[in-house]
Amino acid sequence: MKSAPFIPIKWEAITDPNSSASLGSPGSAERSAARFPEETAFKSLIQQAITERANAAGKQDGPDPELLKHWSNQVMTTVNRHLMESFSGSSDTPSASSPLVDWSSTLSLALRLREYTQGIQGEAKAAAPEKTGTLEGAVDRASKAFQLPAKLIRAVIKAESNNNPKAVSPVGAKGLMQLMPGTAKELGVTDPFDADQNVMGGSKYLRQMLNRYNGNLRMALSAYNWGPGNLERKGVENLPSETRSYLARIAGLLKNDQSD
């Protein structure tokens, strides 16, 4: 499946829209750099790996492919962890004190590094078998297809259906990610009670909402729960109590999810 166009997630504090300045606001980059000196180090590491990979094309003495894979995995894991910590406040490091950190350029570089590792010549190792038929496998596949952290998908599933693939809401939303019939049809989901279809469809819709609101997670999750039409007509400042509770629930789930 071809991945959807990627817009980096802006991990602001979803339960308090006024808790931090917006990305791109005057001084935000300087504040981020002061709190997160490791961001510069990671950018240098990623760029070094990309440069060495590009220079090694067609050469016998290029960097070890396994080293590049290790760098790629290490950078992606660490960047995603910091994103989640800054979003949920789950760390005792300085990142917990800032609900909004501009890691988007770092993450974009990390994604470029990962793309380079996929093109390394001589790769012949078989891919690990997929966990077909399980919720974990469905989440993994959706995470890769739509470039969403697996823990974010898991949190939405838990908040929407409490992990019940047969759940039906009073208004007719169905399955793990509670897709409305019209939305499911637009997403190509023919059986909303099929875990794979539902998770792929729900994750695709979440990615659409993130792209629609330029990566703003609070807006995307509000639209997912309340509907983009309601959100745009009535405004995020008028979220119903149900949606506010939903955002708080997801923030709590992310904070308690210690996986990478």
C-alpha atoms as a PDB file:
ATOM      1  CA  MET A   1       0.000   0.000   0.000  1.00  0.00           C
ATOM      2  CA  LYS A   2       1.308   3.439  -0.913  1.00  0.00           C
ATOM      3  CA  SER A   3       1.809   5.668   2.092  1.00  0.00           C
ATOM      4  CA  ALA A   4      -0.285   8.791   2.507  1.00  0.00           C
ATOM      5  CA  PRO A   5       1.493  12.152   2.137  1.00  0.00           C
ATOM      6  CA  PHE A   6       3.350  12.712   5.397  1.00  0.00           C
ATOM      7  CA  ILE A   7       2.988  15.796   7.546  1.00  0.00           C
ATOM      8  CA  PRO A   8       4.928  15.554  10.834  1.00  0.00           C
ATOM      9  CA  ILE A   9       2.794  15.421  13.952  1.00  0.00           C
ATOM     10  CA  LYS A  10       2.970  18.478  16.210  1.00  0.00           C
ATOM     11  CA  TRP A  11       2.933  17.000  19.686  1.00  0.00           C
ATOM     12  CA  GLU A  12       1.292  19.778  21.611  1.00  0.00           C
ATOM     13  CA  ALA A  13      -0.522  19.203  24.893  1.00  0.00           C
ATOM     14  CA  ILE A  14      -3.915  18.144  23.587  1.00  0.00           C
ATOM     15  CA  THR A  15      -5.759  18.808  26.826  1.00  0.00           C
ATOM     16  CA  ASP A  16      -4.661  22.446  27.084  1.00  0.00           C
ATOM     17  CA  PRO A  17      -4.480  24.353  23.775  1.00  0.00           C
ATOM     18  CA  ASN A  18      -3.208  27.495  25.519  1.00  0.00           C
ATOM     19  CA  SER A  19      -0.333  25.837  27.321  1.00  0.00           C
ATOM     20  CA  SER A  20       2.326  26.673  24.741  1.00  0.00           C
ATOM     21  CA  ALA A  21       3.125  28.911  21.794  1.00  0.00           C
ATOM     22  CA  SER A  22       2.456  27.594  18.325  1.00  0.00           C
ATOM     23  CA  LEU A  23       5.128  26.126  16.097  1.00  0.00           C
ATOM     24  CA  GLY A  24       6.781  28.858  14.132  1.00  0.00           C
ATOM     25  CA  SER A  25       5.960  31.556  16.647  1.00  0.00           C
ATOM     26  CA  PRO A  26       8.697  34.117  17.420  1.00  0.00           C
ATOM     27  CA  GLY A  27      11.373  32.593  19.604  1.00  0.00           C
ATOM     28  CA  SER A  28       9.919  29.051  19.580  1.00  0.00           C
ATOM     29  CA  ALA A  29      12.939  27.552  17.803  1.00  0.00           C
ATOM     30  CA  GLU A  30      15.340  29.208  20.229  1.00  0.00           C
ATOM     31  CA  ARG A  31      13.368  27.967  23.238  1.00  0.00           C
ATOM     32  CA  SER A  32      13.308  24.458  21.778  1.00  0.00           C
ATOM     33  CA  ALA A  33      17.061  24.452  21.108  1.00  0.00           C
ATOM     34  CA  ALA A  34      17.780  25.674  24.645  1.00  0.00           C
ATOM     35  CA  ARG A  35      15.681  22.929  26.211  1.00  0.00           C
ATOM     36  CA  PHE A  36      16.756  20.222  23.798  1.00  0.00           C
ATOM     37  CA  PRO A  37      20.453  20.505  22.920  1.00  0.00           C
ATOM     38  CA  GLU A  38      20.339  16.835  21.857  1.00  0.00           C
ATOM     39  CA  GLU A  39      18.186  17.844  18.875  1.00  0.00           C
ATOM     40  CA  THR A  40      21.232  19.429  17.221  1.00  0.00           C
ATOM     41  CA  ALA A  41      23.301  16.324  17.941  1.00  0.00           C
ATOM     42  CA  PHE A  42      20.683  14.072  16.397  1.00  0.00           C
ATOM     43  CA  LYS A  43      20.371  16.257  13.316  1.00  0.00           C
ATOM     44  CA  SER A  44      24.144  16.011  12.863  1.00  0.00           C
ATOM     45  CA  LEU A  45      24.082  12.240  13.306  1.00  0.00           C
ATOM     46  CA  ILE A  46      21.258  11.790  10.817  1.00  0.00           C
ATOM     47  CA  GLN A  47      22.799  14.107   8.252  1.00  0.00           C
ATOM     48  CA  GLN A  48      26.156  12.342   8.594  1.00  0.00           C
ATOM     49  CA  ALA A  49      24.524   8.984   7.958  1.00  0.00           C
ATOM     50  CA  ILE A  50      22.631  10.301   4.936  1.00  0.00           C
ATOM     51  CA  THR A  51      25.775  11.895   3.502  1.00  0.00           C
ATOM     52  CA  GLU A  52      27.875   8.772   3.988  1.00  0.00           C
ATOM     53  CA  ARG A  53      25.165   6.621   2.456  1.00  0.00           C
ATOM     54  CA  ALA A  54      24.936   8.921  -0.578  1.00  0.00           C
ATOM     55  CA  ASN A  55      28.724   9.047  -1.003  1.00  0.00           C
ATOM     56  CA  ALA A  56      28.964   5.271  -0.711  1.00  0.00           C
ATOM     57  CA  ALA A  57      26.650   4.537  -3.638  1.00  0.00           C
ATOM     58  CA  GLY A  58      28.455   2.094  -5.920  1.00  0.00           C
ATOM     59  CA  LYS A  59      31.618   1.998  -3.794  1.00  0.00           C
ATOM     60  CA  GLN A  60      33.137  -1.014  -2.098  1.00  0.00           C
ATOM     61  CA  ASP A  61      34.395   0.973   0.879  1.00  0.00           C
ATOM     62  CA  GLY A  62      31.119   2.535   1.940  1.00  0.00           C
ATOM     63  CA  PRO A  63      29.775   2.443   5.497  1.00  0.00           C
ATOM     64  CA  ASP A  64      28.650  -0.882   6.876  1.00  0.00           C
ATOM     65  CA  PRO A  65      24.972  -1.436   5.943  1.00  0.00           C
ATOM     66  CA  GLU A  66      24.325  -2.891   9.386  1.00  0.00           C
ATOM     67  CA  LEU A  67      25.723   0.266  10.983  1.00  0.00           C
ATOM     68  CA  LEU A  68      23.405   2.410   8.898  1.00  0.00           C
ATOM     69  CA  LYS A  69      20.468   0.237   9.917  1.00  0.00           C
ATOM     70  CA  HIS A  70      21.498   0.588  13.561  1.00  0.00           C
ATOM     71  CA  TRP A  71      21.727   4.366  13.228  1.00  0.00           C
ATOM     72  CA  SER A  72      18.369   4.514  11.518  1.00  0.00           C
ATOM     73  CA  ASN A  73      16.615   2.439  14.174  1.00  0.00           C
ATOM     74  CA  GLN A  74      18.308   4.285  17.037  1.00  0.00           C
ATOM     75  CA  VAL A  75      17.433   7.709  15.695  1.00  0.00           C
ATOM     76  CA  MET A  76      13.813   6.867  14.863  1.00  0.00           C
ATOM     77  CA  THR A  77      13.270   5.235  18.275  1.00  0.00           C
ATOM     78  CA  THR A  78      14.807   8.122  20.194  1.00  0.00           C
ATOM     79  CA  VAL A  79      13.056  10.845  18.230  1.00  0.00           C
ATOM     80  CA  ASN A  80       9.690   9.132  18.608  1.00  0.00           C
ATOM     81  CA  ARG A  81      10.293   8.695  22.349  1.00  0.00           C
ATOM     82  CA  HIS A  82      11.052  12.378  22.791  1.00  0.00           C
ATOM     83  CA  LEU A  83       7.993  13.302  20.742  1.00  0.00           C
ATOM     84  CA  MET A  84       5.787  11.173  22.947  1.00  0.00           C
ATOM     85  CA  GLU A  85       7.398  12.455  26.149  1.00  0.00           C
ATOM     86  CA  SER A  86       6.924  16.067  25.124  1.00  0.00           C
ATOM     87  CA  PHE A  87       3.314  15.327  24.206  1.00  0.00           C
ATOM     88  CA  SER A  88       2.288  13.369  27.286  1.00  0.00           C
ATOM     89  CA  GLY A  89       4.676  14.654  29.931  1.00  0.00           C
ATOM     90  CA  SER A  90       5.812  11.093  30.668  1.00  0.00           C
ATOM     91  CA  SER A  91       9.460  11.901  31.333  1.00  0.00           C
ATOM     92  CA  ASP A  92      11.403  13.542  34.129  1.00  0.00           C
ATOM     93  CA  THR A  93      13.763  15.089  31.561  1.00  0.00           C
ATOM     94  CA  PRO A  94      13.373  18.755  30.504  1.00  0.00           C
ATOM     95  CA  SER A  95      11.115  17.611  27.652  1.00  0.00           C
ATOM     96  CA  ALA A  96       8.321  17.030  30.140  1.00  0.00           C
ATOM     97  CA  SER A  97       8.279  20.721  30.967  1.00  0.00           C
ATOM     98  CA  SER A  98       7.529  21.721  27.378  1.00  0.00           C
ATOM     99  CA  PRO A  99       4.264  20.495  25.822  1.00  0.00           C
ATOM    100  CA  LEU A 100       5.317  21.614  22.351  1.00  0.00           C
ATOM    101  CA  VAL A 101       8.664  20.853  20.756  1.00  0.00           C
ATOM    102  CA  ASP A 102       9.535  21.321  17.092  1.00  0.00           C
ATOM    103  CA  TRP A 103      11.099  17.993  16.212  1.00  0.00           C
ATOM    104  CA  SER A 104       9.511  17.928  12.748  1.00  0.00           C
ATOM    105  CA  SER A 105      12.716  18.696  10.832  1.00  0.00           C
ATOM    106  CA  THR A 106      14.620  16.093  12.848  1.00  0.00           C
ATOM    107  CA  LEU A 107      11.951  13.499  12.196  1.00  0.00           C
ATOM    108  CA  SER A 108      11.969  14.318   8.484  1.00  0.00           C
ATOM    109  CA  LEU A 109      15.723  13.701   8.391  1.00  0.00           C
ATOM    110  CA  ALA A 110      15.249  10.450  10.281  1.00  0.00           C
ATOM    111  CA  LEU A 111      12.689   9.319   7.716  1.00  0.00           C
ATOM    112  CA  ARG A 112      15.158  10.132   4.922  1.00  0.00           C
ATOM    113  CA  LEU A 113      17.797   8.050   6.667  1.00  0.00           C
ATOM    114  CA  ARG A 114      15.401   5.138   6.930  1.00  0.00           C
ATOM    115  CA  GLU A 115      14.610   5.418   3.227  1.00  0.00           C
ATOM    116  CA  TYR A 116      18.336   5.267   2.436  1.00  0.00           C
ATOM    117  CA  THR A 117      18.791   2.092   4.481  1.00  0.00           C
ATOM    118  CA  GLN A 118      16.020   0.422   2.500  1.00  0.00           C
ATOM    119  CA  GLY A 119      18.032   0.925  -0.690  1.00  0.00           C
ATOM    120  CA  ILE A 120      21.290  -0.604   0.534  1.00  0.00           C
ATOM    121  CA  GLN A 121      22.643  -3.140  -1.975  1.00  0.00           C
ATOM    122  CA  GLY A 122      23.204  -6.677  -0.824  1.00  0.00           C
ATOM    123  CA  GLU A 123      20.222  -6.847   1.524  1.00  0.00           C
ATOM    124  CA  ALA A 124      18.985 -10.403   1.272  1.00  0.00           C
ATOM    125  CA  LYS A 125      17.657 -11.145   4.713  1.00  0.00           C
ATOM    126  CA  ALA A 126      14.030 -12.190   4.800  1.00  0.00           C
ATOM    127  CA  ALA A 127      11.664  -9.814   6.533  1.00  0.00           C
ATOM    128  CA  ALA A 128      10.317 -10.898   9.889  1.00  0.00           C
ATOM    129  CA  PRO A 129       6.969 -12.676   9.560  1.00  0.00           C
ATOM    130  CA  GLU A 130       3.976 -10.416  10.079  1.00  0.00           C
ATOM    131  CA  LYS A 131       1.752 -11.015  13.060  1.00  0.00           C
ATOM    132  CA  THR A 132      -1.286 -11.722  10.936  1.00  0.00           C
ATOM    133  CA  GLY A 133      -4.641 -12.189  12.580  1.00  0.00           C
ATOM    134  CA  THR A 134      -3.784 -10.208  15.710  1.00  0.00           C
ATOM    135  CA  LEU A 135      -4.566  -6.691  16.877  1.00  0.00           C
ATOM    136  CA  GLU A 136      -0.840  -6.106  17.358  1.00  0.00           C
ATOM    137  CA  GLY A 137      -0.214  -7.076  13.742  1.00  0.00           C
ATOM    138  CA  ALA A 138      -3.000  -4.826  12.483  1.00  0.00           C
ATOM    139  CA  VAL A 139      -1.577  -1.874  14.450  1.00  0.00           C
ATOM    140  CA  ASP A 140       1.950  -2.557  13.166  1.00  0.00           C
ATOM    141  CA  ARG A 141       0.804  -2.606   9.551  1.00  0.00           C
ATOM    142  CA  ALA A 142      -1.252   0.573   9.929  1.00  0.00           C
ATOM    143  CA  SER A 143       1.617   2.318  11.719  1.00  0.00           C
ATOM    144  CA  LYS A 144       3.960   1.615   8.810  1.00  0.00           C
ATOM    145  CA  ALA A 145       1.404   2.416   6.105  1.00  0.00           C
ATOM    146  CA  PHE A 146       0.392   5.812   7.497  1.00  0.00           C
ATOM    147  CA  GLN A 147       3.527   6.780   9.439  1.00  0.00           C
ATOM    148  CA  LEU A 148       1.784   6.982  12.793  1.00  0.00           C
ATOM    149  CA  PRO A 149       3.319   5.884  16.112  1.00  0.00           C
ATOM    150  CA  ALA A 150       1.866   2.503  17.043  1.00  0.00           C
ATOM    151  CA  LYS A 151       1.154   3.728  20.573  1.00  0.00           C
ATOM    152  CA  LEU A 152      -1.009   6.539  19.178  1.00  0.00           C
ATOM    153  CA  ILE A 153      -3.098   4.038  17.195  1.00  0.00           C
ATOM    154  CA  ARG A 154      -3.384   1.804  20.259  1.00  0.00           C
ATOM    155  CA  ALA A 155      -4.514   4.753  22.369  1.00  0.00           C
ATOM    156  CA  VAL A 156      -7.240   5.709  19.878  1.00  0.00           C
ATOM    157  CA  ILE A 157      -8.450   2.096  19.716  1.00  0.00           C
ATOM    158  CA  LYS A 158      -8.598   1.873  23.516  1.00  0.00           C
ATOM    159  CA  ALA A 159     -10.388   5.213  23.849  1.00  0.00           C
ATOM    160  CA  GLU A 160     -12.841   4.499  21.040  1.00  0.00           C
ATOM    161  CA  SER A 161     -13.843   0.865  21.643  1.00  0.00           C
ATOM    162  CA  ASN A 162     -11.904  -0.451  24.630  1.00  0.00           C
ATOM    163  CA  ASN A 163     -10.275  -2.915  22.185  1.00  0.00           C
ATOM    164  CA  ASN A 164     -13.624  -4.491  21.273  1.00  0.00           C
ATOM    165  CA  PRO A 165     -13.732  -5.292  17.514  1.00  0.00           C
ATOM    166  CA  LYS A 166     -17.515  -5.766  17.667  1.00  0.00           C
ATOM    167  CA  ALA A 167     -18.286  -2.497  19.450  1.00  0.00           C
ATOM    168  CA  VAL A 168     -21.216  -0.430  18.137  1.00  0.00           C
ATOM    169  CA  SER A 169     -21.913   3.066  19.477  1.00  0.00           C
ATOM    170  CA  PRO A 170     -25.415   4.532  20.012  1.00  0.00           C
ATOM    171  CA  VAL A 171     -24.942   6.607  16.826  1.00  0.00           C
ATOM    172  CA  GLY A 172     -23.809   3.642  14.727  1.00  0.00           C
ATOM    173  CA  ALA A 173     -20.000   3.861  14.793  1.00  0.00           C
ATOM    174  CA  LYS A 174     -18.509   0.391  14.485  1.00  0.00           C
ATOM    175  CA  GLY A 175     -15.469  -1.642  15.325  1.00  0.00           C
ATOM    176  CA  LEU A 176     -12.130  -1.000  16.986  1.00  0.00           C
ATOM    177  CA  MET A 177     -11.690   2.580  15.771  1.00  0.00           C
ATOM    178  CA  GLN A 178     -15.443   3.334  15.709  1.00  0.00           C
ATOM    179  CA  LEU A 179     -15.952   4.197  12.050  1.00  0.00           C
ATOM    180  CA  MET A 180     -19.252   5.704  10.984  1.00  0.00           C
ATOM    181  CA  PRO A 181     -20.822   3.856   8.014  1.00  0.00           C
ATOM    182  CA  GLY A 182     -20.324   6.739   5.575  1.00  0.00           C
ATOM    183  CA  THR A 183     -16.735   7.276   6.642  1.00  0.00           C
ATOM    184  CA  ALA A 184     -15.987   3.543   6.445  1.00  0.00           C
ATOM    185  CA  LYS A 185     -17.321   3.441   2.884  1.00  0.00           C
ATOM    186  CA  GLU A 186     -15.176   6.416   1.848  1.00  0.00           C
ATOM    187  CA  LEU A 187     -12.132   4.692   3.333  1.00  0.00           C
ATOM    188  CA  GLY A 188     -12.813   1.449   1.467  1.00  0.00           C
ATOM    189  CA  VAL A 189     -13.735  -0.521   4.581  1.00  0.00           C
ATOM    190  CA  THR A 190     -16.270  -3.192   3.578  1.00  0.00           C
ATOM    191  CA  ASP A 191     -16.411  -4.957   6.952  1.00  0.00           C
ATOM    192  CA  PRO A 192     -15.939  -2.579   9.915  1.00  0.00           C
ATOM    193  CA  PHE A 193     -15.887  -5.560  12.298  1.00  0.00           C
ATOM    194  CA  ASP A 194     -12.785  -6.970  10.607  1.00  0.00           C
ATOM    195  CA  ALA A 195      -9.862  -5.840  12.763  1.00  0.00           C
ATOM    196  CA  ASP A 196      -7.402  -5.351   9.904  1.00  0.00           C
ATOM    197  CA  GLN A 197      -9.831  -3.356   7.769  1.00  0.00           C
ATOM    198  CA  ASN A 198     -11.023  -1.238  10.668  1.00  0.00           C
ATOM    199  CA  VAL A 199      -7.553  -0.379  11.988  1.00  0.00           C
ATOM    200  CA  MET A 200      -6.235   0.390   8.504  1.00  0.00           C
ATOM    201  CA  GLY A 201      -9.303   2.524   7.764  1.00  0.00           C
ATOM    202  CA  GLY A 202      -9.249   4.327  11.101  1.00  0.00           C
ATOM    203  CA  SER A 203      -5.510   5.001  10.867  1.00  0.00           C
ATOM    204  CA  LYS A 204      -5.917   6.309   7.332  1.00  0.00           C
ATOM    205  CA  TYR A 205      -8.631   8.659   8.557  1.00  0.00           C
ATOM    206  CA  LEU A 206      -6.472   9.822  11.477  1.00  0.00           C
ATOM    207  CA  ARG A 207      -3.623  10.532   9.059  1.00  0.00           C
ATOM    208  CA  GLN A 208      -6.077  12.476   6.836  1.00  0.00           C
ATOM    209  CA  MET A 209      -7.091  14.580   9.826  1.00  0.00           C
ATOM    210  CA  LEU A 210      -3.457  15.221  10.762  1.00  0.00           C
ATOM    211  CA  ASN A 211      -2.701  16.344   7.225  1.00  0.00           C
ATOM    212  CA  ARG A 212      -5.866  18.450   7.137  1.00  0.00           C
ATOM    213  CA  TYR A 213      -4.847  20.331  10.293  1.00  0.00           C
ATOM    214  CA  ASN A 214      -1.158  20.584   9.404  1.00  0.00           C
ATOM    215  CA  GLY A 215      -0.008  18.004  11.939  1.00  0.00           C
ATOM    216  CA  ASN A 216      -1.834  19.500  14.946  1.00  0.00           C
ATOM    217  CA  LEU A 217      -2.677  16.446  17.045  1.00  0.00           C
ATOM    218  CA  ARG A 218      -5.246  18.186  19.261  1.00  0.00           C
ATOM    219  CA  MET A 219      -7.180  19.351  16.194  1.00  0.00           C
ATOM    220  CA  ALA A 220      -6.849  15.986  14.436  1.00  0.00           C
ATOM    221  CA  LEU A 221      -8.110  13.980  17.413  1.00  0.00           C
ATOM    222  CA  SER A 222     -10.918  16.464  18.031  1.00  0.00           C
ATOM    223  CA  ALA A 223     -12.012  16.099  14.408  1.00  0.00           C
ATOM    224  CA  TYR A 224     -11.741  12.311  14.626  1.00  0.00           C
ATOM    225  CA  ASN A 225     -14.045  12.219  17.632  1.00  0.00           C
ATOM    226  CA  TRP A 226     -16.387  15.163  16.991  1.00  0.00           C
ATOM    227  CA  GLY A 227     -16.212  15.373  13.212  1.00  0.00           C
ATOM    228  CA  PRO A 228     -14.272  17.907  11.119  1.00  0.00           C
ATOM    229  CA  GLY A 229     -17.484  19.687  10.149  1.00  0.00           C
ATOM    230  CA  ASN A 230     -18.413  20.365  13.770  1.00  0.00           C
ATOM    231  CA  LEU A 231     -14.869  21.392  14.601  1.00  0.00           C
ATOM    232  CA  GLU A 232     -14.627  23.890  11.758  1.00  0.00           C
ATOM    233  CA  ARG A 233     -18.109  25.343  12.222  1.00  0.00           C
ATOM    234  CA  LYS A 234     -18.051  25.641  16.000  1.00  0.00           C
ATOM    235  CA  GLY A 235     -14.349  25.962  16.768  1.00  0.00           C
ATOM    236  CA  VAL A 236     -11.954  24.025  18.984  1.00  0.00           C
ATOM    237  CA  GLU A 237     -12.755  26.363  21.884  1.00  0.00           C
ATOM    238  CA  ASN A 238     -16.308  24.937  21.903  1.00  0.00           C
ATOM    239  CA  LEU A 239     -15.427  21.249  22.150  1.00  0.00           C
ATOM    240  CA  PRO A 240     -18.162  19.247  23.913  1.00  0.00           C
ATOM    241  CA  SER A 241     -17.317  17.658  27.245  1.00  0.00           C
ATOM    242  CA  GLU A 242     -17.287  14.210  25.623  1.00  0.00           C
ATOM    243  CA  THR A 243     -14.495  15.241  23.242  1.00  0.00           C
ATOM    244  CA  ARG A 244     -12.529  16.960  26.007  1.00  0.00           C
ATOM    245  CA  SER A 245     -12.721  13.762  28.061  1.00  0.00           C
ATOM    246  CA  TYR A 246     -11.669  11.796  24.992  1.00  0.00           C
ATOM    247  CA  LEU A 247      -8.558  13.956  24.541  1.00  0.00           C
ATOM    248  CA  ALA A 248      -7.665  13.588  28.219  1.00  0.00           C
ATOM    249  CA  ARG A 249      -8.136   9.809  27.985  1.00  0.00           C
ATOM    250  CA  ILE A 250      -5.764   9.533  25.018  1.00  0.00           C
ATOM    251  CA  ALA A 251      -3.175  11.736  26.725  1.00  0.00           C
ATOM    252  CA  GLY A 252      -3.315   9.458  29.767  1.00  0.00           C
ATOM    253  CA  LEU A 253      -3.006   6.318  27.655  1.00  0.00           C
ATOM    254  CA  LEU A 254       0.030   7.697  25.839  1.00  0.00           C
ATOM    255  CA  LYS A 255       1.643   8.695  29.115  1.00  0.00           C
ATOM    256  CA  ASN A 256       1.216   5.173  30.502  1.00  0.00           C
ATOM    257  CA  ASP A 257       2.368   3.385  27.331  1.00  0.00           C
ATOM    258  CA  GLN A 258       6.099   2.825  27.882  1.00  0.00           C
ATOM    259  CA  SER A 259       6.799   1.139  24.543  1.00  0.00           C
ATOM    260  CA  ASP A 260       8.851   2.912  21.902  1.00  0.00           C
END
